[in-house]
PDB file of N, CA and C in Angstrom:
ATOM      1  N   MET A   1      44.039 -28.842-210.957  1.00  0.00           N
ATOM      2  CA  MET A   1      43.678 -27.685-210.176  1.00  0.00           C
ATOM      3  C   MET A   1      42.939 -28.179-208.937  1.00  0.00           C
ATOM      4  N   SER A   2      43.355 -27.694-207.802  1.00  0.00           N
ATOM      5  CA  SER A   2      42.731 -28.132-206.559  1.00  0.00           C
ATOM      6  C   SER A   2      41.335 -27.523-206.421  1.00  0.00           C
ATOM      7  N   PRO A   3      40.444 -28.176-205.681  1.00  0.00           N
ATOM      8  CA  PRO A   3      39.088 -27.641-205.499  1.00  0.00           C
ATOM      9  C   PRO A   3      39.096 -26.251-204.872  1.00  0.00           C
ATOM     10  N   ARG A   4      40.058 -25.990-204.004  1.00  0.00           N
ATOM     11  CA  ARG A   4      40.146 -24.684-203.350  1.00  0.00           C
ATOM     12  C   ARG A   4      40.431 -23.582-204.369  1.00  0.00           C
ATOM     13  N   VAL A   5      41.337 -23.828-205.297  1.00  0.00           N
ATOM     14  CA  VAL A   5      41.672 -22.854-206.337  1.00  0.00           C
ATOM     15  C   VAL A   5      40.499 -22.703-207.293  1.00  0.00           C
ATOM     16  N   ARG A   6      39.863 -23.802-207.642  1.00  0.00           N
ATOM     17  CA  ARG A   6      38.723 -23.778-208.557  1.00  0.00           C
ATOM     18  C   ARG A   6      37.607 -22.892-207.997  1.00  0.00           C
ATOM     19  N   TYR A   7      37.319 -22.998-206.704  1.00  0.00           N
ATOM     20  CA  TYR A   7      36.264 -22.189-206.090  1.00  0.00           C
ATOM     21  C   TYR A   7      36.639 -20.708-206.037  1.00  0.00           C
ATOM     22  N   ALA A   8      37.899 -20.401-206.067  1.00  0.00           N
ATOM     23  CA  ALA A   8      38.335 -18.998-206.082  1.00  0.00           C
ATOM     24  C   ALA A   8      38.327 -18.443-207.503  1.00  0.00           C
ATOM     25  N   VAL A   9      38.577 -19.300-208.480  1.00  0.00           N
ATOM     26  CA  VAL A   9      38.667 -18.851-209.869  1.00  0.00           C
ATOM     27  C   VAL A   9      37.285 -18.520-210.441  1.00  0.00           C
ATOM     28  N   ILE A  10      36.281 -19.300-210.113  1.00  0.00           N
ATOM     29  CA  ILE A  10      34.948 -19.091-210.684  1.00  0.00           C
ATOM     30  C   ILE A  10      34.387 -17.711-210.329  1.00  0.00           C
ATOM     31  N   PRO A  11      34.354 -17.281-209.061  1.00  0.00           N
ATOM     32  CA  PRO A  11      33.849 -15.933-208.779  1.00  0.00           C
ATOM     33  C   PRO A  11      34.711 -14.844-209.418  1.00  0.00           C
ATOM     34  N   LEU A  12      36.001 -15.062-209.476  1.00  0.00           N
ATOM     35  CA  LEU A  12      36.884 -14.087-210.104  1.00  0.00           C
ATOM     36  C   LEU A  12      36.569 -13.969-211.599  1.00  0.00           C
ATOM     37  N   ALA A  13      36.362 -15.092-212.268  1.00  0.00           N
ATOM     38  CA  ALA A  13      36.029 -15.071-213.698  1.00  0.00           C
ATOM     39  C   ALA A  13      34.687 -14.382-213.930  1.00  0.00           C
ATOM     40  N   LEU A  14      33.703 -14.642-213.097  1.00  0.00           N
ATOM     41  CA  LEU A  14      32.405 -13.980-213.233  1.00  0.00           C
ATOM     42  C   LEU A  14      32.529 -12.474-213.019  1.00  0.00           C
ATOM     43  N   ALA A  15      33.346 -12.076-212.067  1.00  0.00           N
ATOM     44  CA  ALA A  15      33.544 -10.644-211.829  1.00  0.00           C
ATOM     45  C   ALA A  15      34.195  -9.977-213.028  1.00  0.00           C
ATOM     46  N   VAL A  16      35.159 -10.631-213.631  1.00  0.00           N
ATOM     47  CA  VAL A  16      35.822 -10.078-214.825  1.00  0.00           C
ATOM     48  C   VAL A  16      34.837  -9.971-215.976  1.00  0.00           C
ATOM     49  N   LEU A  17      34.023 -11.002-216.200  1.00  0.00           N
ATOM     50  CA  LEU A  17      33.019 -10.963-217.264  1.00  0.00           C
ATOM     51  C   LEU A  17      31.989  -9.867-217.013  1.00  0.00           C
ATOM     52  N   TRP A  18      31.572  -9.698-215.769  1.00  0.00           N
ATOM     53  CA  TRP A  18      30.610  -8.650-215.441  1.00  0.00           C
ATOM     54  C   TRP A  18      31.212  -7.272-215.708  1.00  0.00           C
ATOM     55  N   LEU A  19      32.449  -7.072-215.308  1.00  0.00           N
ATOM     56  CA  LEU A  19      33.104  -5.783-215.550  1.00  0.00           C
ATOM     57  C   LEU A  19      33.302  -5.528-217.038  1.00  0.00           C
ATOM     58  N   ALA A  20      33.519  -6.572-217.796  1.00  0.00           N
ATOM     59  CA  ALA A  20      33.713  -6.424-219.241  1.00  0.00           C
ATOM     60  C   ALA A  20      32.393  -6.216-219.968  1.00  0.00           C
ATOM     61  N   GLY A  21      31.268  -6.391-219.269  1.00  0.00           N
ATOM     62  CA  GLY A  21      29.967  -6.173-219.884  1.00  0.00           C
ATOM     63  C   GLY A  21      29.417  -7.381-220.612  1.00  0.00           C
ATOM     64  N   ILE A  22      30.017  -8.520-220.435  1.00  0.00           N
ATOM     65  CA  ILE A  22      29.559  -9.721-221.121  1.00  0.00           C
ATOM     66  C   ILE A  22      28.356 -10.326-220.406  1.00  0.00           C
ATOM     67  N   VAL A  23      28.363 -10.325-219.082  1.00  0.00           N
ATOM     68  CA  VAL A  23      27.244 -10.829-218.319  1.00  0.00           C
ATOM     69  C   VAL A  23      26.218  -9.707-218.205  1.00  0.00           C
ATOM     70  N   PRO A  24      24.967  -9.946-218.591  1.00  0.00           N
ATOM     71  CA  PRO A  24      23.968  -8.877-218.553  1.00  0.00           C
ATOM     72  C   PRO A  24      23.694  -8.405-217.135  1.00  0.00           C
ATOM     73  N   THR A  25      23.409  -7.137-217.014  1.00  0.00           N
ATOM     74  CA  THR A  25      23.066  -6.551-215.728  1.00  0.00           C
ATOM     75  C   THR A  25      21.607  -6.130-215.748  1.00  0.00           C
ATOM     76  N   ALA A  26      21.123  -5.595-214.661  1.00  0.00           N
ATOM     77  CA  ALA A  26      19.718  -5.197-214.561  1.00  0.00           C
ATOM     78  C   ALA A  26      19.364  -4.101-215.557  1.00  0.00           C
ATOM     79  N   ASP A  27      20.319  -3.241-215.919  1.00  0.00           N
ATOM     80  CA  ASP A  27      20.005  -2.160-216.850  1.00  0.00           C
ATOM     81  C   ASP A  27      20.188  -2.567-218.309  1.00  0.00           C
ATOM     82  N   ALA A  28      20.451  -3.833-218.587  1.00  0.00           N
ATOM     83  CA  ALA A  28      20.624  -4.276-219.972  1.00  0.00           C
ATOM     84  C   ALA A  28      19.304  -4.292-220.722  1.00  0.00           C
ATOM     85  N   ALA A  29      18.200  -4.570-220.060  1.00  0.00           N
ATOM     86  CA  ALA A  29      16.899  -4.648-220.721  1.00  0.00           C
ATOM     87  C   ALA A  29      16.479  -3.317-221.349  1.00  0.00           C
ATOM     88  N   PRO A  30      16.585  -2.170-220.646  1.00  0.00           N
ATOM     89  CA  PRO A  30      16.193  -0.918-221.294  1.00  0.00           C
ATOM     90  C   PRO A  30      17.015  -0.610-222.543  1.00  0.00           C
ATOM     91  N   ARG A  31      18.302  -0.914-222.512  1.00  0.00           N
ATOM     92  CA  ARG A  31      19.110  -0.661-223.706  1.00  0.00           C
ATOM     93  C   ARG A  31      18.672  -1.570-224.842  1.00  0.00           C
ATOM     94  N   SER A  32      18.300  -2.778-224.526  1.00  0.00           N
ATOM     95  CA  SER A  32      17.824  -3.699-225.548  1.00  0.00           C
ATOM     96  C   SER A  32      16.502  -3.203-226.135  1.00  0.00           C
ATOM     97  N   ALA A  33      15.606  -2.734-225.285  1.00  0.00           N
ATOM     98  CA  ALA A  33      14.335  -2.193-225.762  1.00  0.00           C
ATOM     99  C   ALA A  33      14.569  -0.954-226.620  1.00  0.00           C
ATOM    100  N   ALA A  34      15.519  -0.131-226.226  1.00  0.00           N
ATOM    101  CA  ALA A  34      15.834   1.068-227.009  1.00  0.00           C
ATOM    102  C   ALA A  34      16.408   0.681-228.368  1.00  0.00           C
ATOM    103  N   ARG A  35      17.230  -0.350-228.396  1.00  0.00           N
ATOM    104  CA  ARG A  35      17.791  -0.816-229.680  1.00  0.00           C
ATOM    105  C   ARG A  35      16.700  -1.376-230.576  1.00  0.00           C
ATOM    106  N   MET A  36      15.749  -2.105-229.975  1.00  0.00           N
ATOM    107  CA  MET A  36      14.633  -2.645-230.753  1.00  0.00           C
ATOM    108  C   MET A  36      13.797  -1.519-231.337  1.00  0.00           C
ATOM    109  N   ALA A  37      13.499  -0.511-230.531  1.00  0.00           N
ATOM    110  CA  ALA A  37      12.695   0.618-231.007  1.00  0.00           C
ATOM    111  C   ALA A  37      13.441   1.379-232.106  1.00  0.00           C
ATOM    112  N   ALA A  38      14.742   1.535-231.969  1.00  0.00           N
ATOM    113  CA  ALA A  38      15.527   2.221-233.002  1.00  0.00           C
ATOM    114  C   ALA A  38      15.517   1.432-234.307  1.00  0.00           C
ATOM    115  N   ALA A  39      15.622   0.115-234.201  1.00  0.00           N
ATOM    116  CA  ALA A  39      15.551  -0.719-235.407  1.00  0.00           C
ATOM    117  C   ALA A  39      14.165  -0.623-236.035  1.00  0.00           C
ATOM    118  N   GLY A  40      13.126  -0.579-235.205  1.00  0.00           N
ATOM    119  CA  GLY A  40      11.763  -0.419-235.705  1.00  0.00           C
ATOM    120  C   GLY A  40      11.558   0.916-236.390  1.00  0.00           C
ATOM    121  N   HIS A  41      12.185   1.956-235.864  1.00  0.00           N
ATOM    122  CA  HIS A  41      12.089   3.281-236.488  1.00  0.00           C
ATOM    123  C   HIS A  41      12.717   3.256-237.878  1.00  0.00           C
ATOM    124  N   ARG A  42      13.852   2.592-238.000  1.00  0.00           N
ATOM    125  CA  ARG A  42      14.497   2.480-239.317  1.00  0.00           C
ATOM    126  C   ARG A  42      13.606   1.716-240.305  1.00  0.00           C
ATOM    127  N   LEU A  43      12.962   0.652-239.836  1.00  0.00           N
ATOM    128  CA  LEU A  43      12.046  -0.087-240.705  1.00  0.00           C
ATOM    129  C   LEU A  43      10.867   0.787-241.104  1.00  0.00           C
ATOM    130  N   ALA A  44      10.340   1.544-240.162  1.00  0.00           N
ATOM    131  CA  ALA A  44       9.204   2.427-240.453  1.00  0.00           C
ATOM    132  C   ALA A  44       9.596   3.475-241.501  1.00  0.00           C
ATOM    133  N   GLN A  45      10.806   4.005-241.399  1.00  0.00           N
ATOM    134  CA  GLN A  45      11.269   4.968-242.394  1.00  0.00           C
ATOM    135  C   GLN A  45      11.339   4.330-243.779  1.00  0.00           C
ATOM    136  N   ALA A  46      11.781   3.093-243.829  1.00  0.00           N
ATOM    137  CA  ALA A  46      11.944   2.419-245.113  1.00  0.00           C
ATOM    138  C   ALA A  46      10.611   1.961-245.706  1.00  0.00           C
ATOM    139  N   TRP A  47       9.681   1.492-244.869  1.00  0.00           N
ATOM    140  CA  TRP A  47       8.479   0.845-245.381  1.00  0.00           C
ATOM    141  C   TRP A  47       7.195   1.646-245.226  1.00  0.00           C
ATOM    142  N   CYS A  48       7.093   2.470-244.198  1.00  0.00           N
ATOM    143  CA  CYS A  48       5.781   2.983-243.790  1.00  0.00           C
ATOM    144  C   CYS A  48       5.562   4.473-244.003  1.00  0.00           C
ATOM    145  N   GLN A  49       6.625   5.245-244.093  1.00  0.00           N
ATOM    146  CA  GLN A  49       6.441   6.689-244.053  1.00  0.00           C
ATOM    147  C   GLN A  49       5.832   7.291-245.319  1.00  0.00           C
ATOM    148  N   THR A  50       5.670   6.519-246.365  1.00  0.00           N
ATOM    149  CA  THR A  50       4.980   7.062-247.533  1.00  0.00           C
ATOM    150  C   THR A  50       3.483   7.237-247.265  1.00  0.00           C
ATOM    151  N   CYS A  51       2.931   6.468-246.326  1.00  0.00           N
ATOM    152  CA  CYS A  51       1.507   6.565-246.005  1.00  0.00           C
ATOM    153  C   CYS A  51       1.240   7.047-244.578  1.00  0.00           C
ATOM    154  N   HIS A  52       2.113   6.697-243.639  1.00  0.00           N
ATOM    155  CA  HIS A  52       1.895   6.991-242.222  1.00  0.00           C
ATOM    156  C   HIS A  52       2.830   8.084-241.739  1.00  0.00           C
ATOM    157  N   ALA A  53       2.354   8.893-240.807  1.00  0.00           N
ATOM    158  CA  ALA A  53       3.237   9.782-240.053  1.00  0.00           C
ATOM    159  C   ALA A  53       3.893   8.900-238.995  1.00  0.00           C
ATOM    160  N   ILE A  54       5.179   8.632-239.167  1.00  0.00           N
ATOM    161  CA  ILE A  54       5.845   7.678-238.279  1.00  0.00           C
ATOM    162  C   ILE A  54       6.448   8.341-237.047  1.00  0.00           C
ATOM    163  N   ASP A  55       6.676   9.643-237.091  1.00  0.00           N
ATOM    164  CA  ASP A  55       7.223  10.382-235.955  1.00  0.00           C
ATOM    165  C   ASP A  55       6.137  11.273-235.360  1.00  0.00           C
ATOM    166  N   PRO A  56       6.162  11.484-234.056  1.00  0.00           N
ATOM    167  CA  PRO A  56       5.120  12.303-233.429  1.00  0.00           C
ATOM    168  C   PRO A  56       5.027  13.715-234.021  1.00  0.00           C
ATOM    169  N   ASP A  57       6.129  14.306-234.421  1.00  0.00           N
ATOM    170  CA  ASP A  57       6.105  15.667-234.946  1.00  0.00           C
ATOM    171  C   ASP A  57       5.591  15.739-236.383  1.00  0.00           C
ATOM    172  N   MET A  58       5.250  14.610-236.971  1.00  0.00           N
ATOM    173  CA  MET A  58       4.725  14.570-238.335  1.00  0.00           C
ATOM    174  C   MET A  58       3.201  14.547-238.360  1.00  0.00           C
ATOM    175  N   ALA A  59       2.561  14.505-237.215  1.00  0.00           N
ATOM    176  CA  ALA A  59       1.097  14.381-237.151  1.00  0.00           C
ATOM    177  C   ALA A  59       0.426  15.467-237.976  1.00  0.00           C
ATOM    178  N   GLY A  60      -0.590  15.064-238.720  1.00  0.00           N
ATOM    179  CA  GLY A  60      -1.341  16.005-239.539  1.00  0.00           C
ATOM    180  C   GLY A  60      -0.820  16.161-240.949  1.00  0.00           C
ATOM    181  N   LEU A  61       0.312  15.542-241.265  1.00  0.00           N
ATOM    182  CA  LEU A  61       0.878  15.670-242.607  1.00  0.00           C
ATOM    183  C   LEU A  61       0.299  14.654-243.581  1.00  0.00           C
ATOM    184  N   PHE A  62      -0.241  13.557-243.073  1.00  0.00           N
ATOM    185  CA  PHE A  62      -0.723  12.476-243.928  1.00  0.00           C
ATOM    186  C   PHE A  62      -2.206  12.249-243.670  1.00  0.00           C
ATOM    187  N   ASP A  63      -2.974  12.061-244.727  1.00  0.00           N
ATOM    188  CA  ASP A  63      -4.402  11.816-244.568  1.00  0.00           C
ATOM    189  C   ASP A  63      -4.797  10.380-244.908  1.00  0.00           C
ATOM    190  N   THR A  64      -3.908   9.646-245.559  1.00  0.00           N
ATOM    191  CA  THR A  64      -4.287   8.329-246.057  1.00  0.00           C
ATOM    192  C   THR A  64      -4.298   7.238-244.994  1.00  0.00           C
ATOM    193  N   ALA A  65      -3.503   7.374-243.957  1.00  0.00           N
ATOM    194  CA  ALA A  65      -3.395   6.320-242.950  1.00  0.00           C
ATOM    195  C   ALA A  65      -3.185   6.959-241.576  1.00  0.00           C
ATOM    196  N   PRO A  66      -3.557   6.246-240.515  1.00  0.00           N
ATOM    197  CA  PRO A  66      -3.370   6.819-239.181  1.00  0.00           C
ATOM    198  C   PRO A  66      -1.886   6.979-238.843  1.00  0.00           C
ATOM    199  N   SER A  67      -1.598   7.970-238.026  1.00  0.00           N
ATOM    200  CA  SER A  67      -0.216   8.162-237.587  1.00  0.00           C
ATOM    201  C   SER A  67       0.171   7.043-236.628  1.00  0.00           C
ATOM    202  N   PHE A  68       1.454   6.793-236.524  1.00  0.00           N
ATOM    203  CA  PHE A  68       1.920   5.787-235.576  1.00  0.00           C
ATOM    204  C   PHE A  68       1.585   6.213-234.149  1.00  0.00           C
ATOM    205  N   GLN A  69       1.594   7.514-233.887  1.00  0.00           N
ATOM    206  CA  GLN A  69       1.216   8.008-232.557  1.00  0.00           C
ATOM    207  C   GLN A  69      -0.227   7.633-232.250  1.00  0.00           C
ATOM    208  N   ALA A  70      -1.132   7.828-233.217  1.00  0.00           N
ATOM    209  CA  ALA A  70      -2.546   7.477-233.008  1.00  0.00           C
ATOM    210  C   ALA A  70      -2.710   5.971-232.814  1.00  0.00           C
ATOM    211  N   ILE A  71      -1.955   5.186-233.564  1.00  0.00           N
ATOM    212  CA  ILE A  71      -2.023   3.727-233.414  1.00  0.00           C
ATOM    213  C   ILE A  71      -1.528   3.327-232.027  1.00  0.00           C
ATOM    214  N   ALA A  72      -0.435   3.918-231.603  1.00  0.00           N
ATOM    215  CA  ALA A  72       0.132   3.591-230.285  1.00  0.00           C
ATOM    216  C   ALA A  72      -0.822   3.948-229.161  1.00  0.00           C
ATOM    217  N   ASP A  73      -1.565   5.042-229.331  1.00  0.00           N
ATOM    218  CA  ASP A  73      -2.458   5.520-228.271  1.00  0.00           C
ATOM    219  C   ASP A  73      -3.821   4.835-228.247  1.00  0.00           C
ATOM    220  N   ARG A  74      -4.107   3.984-229.228  1.00  0.00           N
ATOM    221  CA  ARG A  74      -5.365   3.245-229.195  1.00  0.00           C
ATOM    222  C   ARG A  74      -5.377   2.315-227.988  1.00  0.00           C
ATOM    223  N   LYS A  75      -6.537   2.178-227.387  1.00  0.00           N
ATOM    224  CA  LYS A  75      -6.660   1.396-226.155  1.00  0.00           C
ATOM    225  C   LYS A  75      -6.222  -0.059-226.331  1.00  0.00           C
ATOM    226  N   GLY A  76      -6.551  -0.683-227.430  1.00  0.00           N
ATOM    227  CA  GLY A  76      -6.265  -2.104-227.615  1.00  0.00           C
ATOM    228  C   GLY A  76      -4.932  -2.415-228.284  1.00  0.00           C
ATOM    229  N   THR A  77      -4.109  -1.414-228.504  1.00  0.00           N
ATOM    230  CA  THR A  77      -2.847  -1.661-229.202  1.00  0.00           C
ATOM    231  C   THR A  77      -1.837  -2.328-228.277  1.00  0.00           C
ATOM    232  N   THR A  78      -1.407  -3.504-228.695  1.00  0.00           N
ATOM    233  CA  THR A  78      -0.358  -4.255-228.001  1.00  0.00           C
ATOM    234  C   THR A  78       0.597  -4.776-229.069  1.00  0.00           C
ATOM    235  N   ALA A  79       1.710  -5.304-228.637  1.00  0.00           N
ATOM    236  CA  ALA A  79       2.642  -5.905-229.594  1.00  0.00           C
ATOM    237  C   ALA A  79       1.951  -7.042-230.347  1.00  0.00           C
ATOM    238  N   LEU A  80       1.177  -7.840-229.639  1.00  0.00           N
ATOM    239  CA  LEU A  80       0.481  -8.951-230.281  1.00  0.00           C
ATOM    240  C   LEU A  80      -0.558  -8.455-231.285  1.00  0.00           C
ATOM    241  N   SER A  81      -1.337  -7.438-230.911  1.00  0.00           N
ATOM    242  CA  SER A  81      -2.369  -6.952-231.845  1.00  0.00           C
ATOM    243  C   SER A  81      -1.733  -6.369-233.111  1.00  0.00           C
ATOM    244  N   LEU A  82      -0.592  -5.723-232.967  1.00  0.00           N
ATOM    245  CA  LEU A  82       0.097  -5.194-234.150  1.00  0.00           C
ATOM    246  C   LEU A  82       0.577  -6.328-235.050  1.00  0.00           C
ATOM    247  N   LYS A  83       1.158  -7.356-234.447  1.00  0.00           N
ATOM    248  CA  LYS A  83       1.670  -8.478-235.243  1.00  0.00           C
ATOM    249  C   LYS A  83       0.550  -9.222-235.953  1.00  0.00           C
ATOM    250  N   VAL A  84      -0.589  -9.376-235.298  1.00  0.00           N
ATOM    251  CA  VAL A  84      -1.741 -10.011-235.934  1.00  0.00           C
ATOM    252  C   VAL A  84      -2.226  -9.142-237.095  1.00  0.00           C
ATOM    253  N   PHE A  85      -2.287  -7.851-236.889  1.00  0.00           N
ATOM    254  CA  PHE A  85      -2.718  -6.927-237.942  1.00  0.00           C
ATOM    255  C   PHE A  85      -1.824  -7.054-239.174  1.00  0.00           C
ATOM    256  N   TRP A  86      -0.511  -7.097-238.958  1.00  0.00           N
ATOM    257  CA  TRP A  86       0.415  -7.170-240.095  1.00  0.00           C
ATOM    258  C   TRP A  86       0.318  -8.488-240.848  1.00  0.00           C
ATOM    259  N   ARG A  87      -0.154  -9.521-240.211  1.00  0.00           N
ATOM    260  CA  ARG A  87      -0.264 -10.819-240.885  1.00  0.00           C
ATOM    261  C   ARG A  87      -1.616 -11.007-241.549  1.00  0.00           C
ATOM    262  N   THR A  88      -2.477  -9.988-241.466  1.00  0.00           N
ATOM    263  CA  THR A  88      -3.807 -10.040-242.049  1.00  0.00           C
ATOM    264  C   THR A  88      -3.861  -9.121-243.259  1.00  0.00           C
ATOM    265  N   SER A  89      -4.503  -9.557-244.315  1.00  0.00           N
ATOM    266  CA  SER A  89      -4.632  -8.740-245.519  1.00  0.00           C
ATOM    267  C   SER A  89      -5.612  -7.599-245.272  1.00  0.00           C
ATOM    268  N   HIS A  90      -5.266  -6.395-245.763  1.00  0.00           N
ATOM    269  CA  HIS A  90      -6.120  -5.222-245.612  1.00  0.00           C
ATOM    270  C   HIS A  90      -6.269  -4.522-246.952  1.00  0.00           C
ATOM    271  N   GLN A  91      -7.432  -3.973-247.189  1.00  0.00           N
ATOM    272  CA  GLN A  91      -7.739  -3.364-248.473  1.00  0.00           C
ATOM    273  C   GLN A  91      -6.833  -2.177-248.793  1.00  0.00           C
ATOM    274  N   ASN A  92      -6.581  -1.314-247.838  1.00  0.00           N
ATOM    275  CA  ASN A  92      -5.830  -0.086-248.098  1.00  0.00           C
ATOM    276  C   ASN A  92      -4.359  -0.156-247.709  1.00  0.00           C
ATOM    277  N   MET A  93      -3.890  -1.339-247.415  1.00  0.00           N
ATOM    278  CA  MET A  93      -2.501  -1.471-246.993  1.00  0.00           C
ATOM    279  C   MET A  93      -1.830  -2.533-247.850  1.00  0.00           C
ATOM    280  N   PRO A  94      -0.612  -2.267-248.316  1.00  0.00           N
ATOM    281  CA  PRO A  94       0.067  -3.285-249.132  1.00  0.00           C
ATOM    282  C   PRO A  94       0.371  -4.529-248.302  1.00  0.00           C
ATOM    283  N   ASN A  95       0.378  -5.655-248.962  1.00  0.00           N
ATOM    284  CA  ASN A  95       0.740  -6.901-248.294  1.00  0.00           C
ATOM    285  C   ASN A  95       2.259  -7.013-248.285  1.00  0.00           C
ATOM    286  N   ILE A  96       2.828  -6.770-247.135  1.00  0.00           N
ATOM    287  CA  ILE A  96       4.273  -6.881-247.000  1.00  0.00           C
ATOM    288  C   ILE A  96       4.587  -8.067-246.105  1.00  0.00           C
ATOM    289  N   VAL A  97       5.715  -8.673-246.346  1.00  0.00           N
ATOM    290  CA  VAL A  97       6.151  -9.802-245.544  1.00  0.00           C
ATOM    291  C   VAL A  97       7.118  -9.271-244.494  1.00  0.00           C
ATOM    292  N   ILE A  98       6.751  -9.460-243.248  1.00  0.00           N
ATOM    293  CA  ILE A  98       7.565  -8.973-242.140  1.00  0.00           C
ATOM    294  C   ILE A  98       8.072 -10.184-241.361  1.00  0.00           C
ATOM    295  N   ALA A  99       9.375 -10.289-241.251  1.00  0.00           N
ATOM    296  CA  ALA A  99       9.975 -11.369-240.464  1.00  0.00           C
ATOM    297  C   ALA A  99       9.642 -11.148-238.983  1.00  0.00           C
ATOM    298  N   PRO A 100       9.630 -12.210-238.196  1.00  0.00           N
ATOM    299  CA  PRO A 100       9.285 -12.066-236.772  1.00  0.00           C
ATOM    300  C   PRO A 100      10.140 -11.033-236.025  1.00  0.00           C
ATOM    301  N   ASP A 101      11.437 -11.009-236.267  1.00  0.00           N
ATOM    302  CA  ASP A 101      12.278 -10.036-235.562  1.00  0.00           C
ATOM    303  C   ASP A 101      11.985  -8.606-236.031  1.00  0.00           C
ATOM    304  N   GLN A 102      11.620  -8.450-237.297  1.00  0.00           N
ATOM    305  CA  GLN A 102      11.243  -7.126-237.792  1.00  0.00           C
ATOM    306  C   GLN A 102       9.913  -6.688-237.197  1.00  0.00           C
ATOM    307  N   ALA A 103       8.972  -7.616-237.062  1.00  0.00           N
ATOM    308  CA  ALA A 103       7.681  -7.310-236.437  1.00  0.00           C
ATOM    309  C   ALA A 103       7.883  -6.900-234.981  1.00  0.00           C
ATOM    310  N   ASP A 104       8.778  -7.583-234.283  1.00  0.00           N
ATOM    311  CA  ASP A 104       9.075  -7.218-232.895  1.00  0.00           C
ATOM    312  C   ASP A 104       9.647  -5.806-232.812  1.00  0.00           C
ATOM    313  N   ALA A 105      10.574  -5.492-233.720  1.00  0.00           N
ATOM    314  CA  ALA A 105      11.205  -4.172-233.711  1.00  0.00           C
ATOM    315  C   ALA A 105      10.201  -3.080-234.059  1.00  0.00           C
ATOM    316  N   LEU A 106       9.397  -3.306-235.075  1.00  0.00           N
ATOM    317  CA  LEU A 106       8.405  -2.312-235.483  1.00  0.00           C
ATOM    318  C   LEU A 106       7.366  -2.097-234.382  1.00  0.00           C
ATOM    319  N   ALA A 107       6.930  -3.168-233.742  1.00  0.00           N
ATOM    320  CA  ALA A 107       5.986  -3.050-232.627  1.00  0.00           C
ATOM    321  C   ALA A 107       6.625  -2.295-231.465  1.00  0.00           C
ATOM    322  N   ALA A 108       7.894  -2.573-231.191  1.00  0.00           N
ATOM    323  CA  ALA A 108       8.589  -1.865-230.096  1.00  0.00           C
ATOM    324  C   ALA A 108       8.639  -0.368-230.391  1.00  0.00           C
ATOM    325  N   TYR A 109       8.891  -0.006-231.644  1.00  0.00           N
ATOM    326  CA  TYR A 109       8.924   1.418-231.984  1.00  0.00           C
ATOM    327  C   TYR A 109       7.551   2.059-231.813  1.00  0.00           C
ATOM    328  N   ILE A 110       6.535   1.434-232.367  1.00  0.00           N
ATOM    329  CA  ILE A 110       5.186   2.019-232.277  1.00  0.00           C
ATOM    330  C   ILE A 110       4.765   2.158-230.812  1.00  0.00           C
ATOM    331  N   LEU A 111       4.990   1.123-230.020  1.00  0.00           N
ATOM    332  CA  LEU A 111       4.599   1.191-228.616  1.00  0.00           C
ATOM    333  C   LEU A 111       5.435   2.200-227.827  1.00  0.00           C
ATOM    334  N   SER A 112       6.636   2.490-228.294  1.00  0.00           N
ATOM    335  CA  SER A 112       7.462   3.501-227.612  1.00  0.00           C
ATOM    336  C   SER A 112       6.867   4.906-227.775  1.00  0.00           C
ATOM    337  N   LEU A 113       5.978   5.070-228.742  1.00  0.00           N
ATOM    338  CA  LEU A 113       5.354   6.373-228.984  1.00  0.00           C
ATOM    339  C   LEU A 113       4.145   6.620-228.095  1.00  0.00           C
ATOM    340  N   ARG A 114       3.697   5.612-227.382  1.00  0.00           N
ATOM    341  CA  ARG A 114       2.487   5.723-226.570  1.00  0.00           C
ATOM    342  C   ARG A 114       2.604   6.900-225.609  1.00  0.00           C
ATOM    343  N   SER A 115       1.565   7.736-225.609  1.00  0.00           N
ATOM    344  CA  SER A 115       1.527   8.877-224.684  1.00  0.00           C
ATOM    345  C   SER A 115       1.397   8.356-223.271  1.00  0.00           C
ATOM    346  N   ARG A 116       2.083   8.971-222.393  1.00  0.00           N
ATOM    347  CA  ARG A 116       2.083   8.510-221.001  1.00  0.00           C
ATOM    348  C   ARG A 116       0.904   9.055-220.260  1.00  0.00           C
TER     349      ARG A 116
END
């Protein structure tokens, strides 16, 4: 293949990949964050909703643990602070093992509830 053809093929191949959605675009990050939050919501339904109000419209239904909305709205709540909390033993919370990707998803969901 001549260098002239090679230089024409590379931009064409990139354009095809971009149109096919394989090459990420600027709007790919929000969809990824939304997918992470959705995965975190599913984990919260499976693991947390017996003690916590995991959805904003559930506030006031549970007395044993703070709602996820209240946790999200705390001044010091960050993804890191949540992950540290989950790796620390607590008297009123079961010791569950959360994989790093699950912790990321659960933190993304909780932080998505933060009041604006």
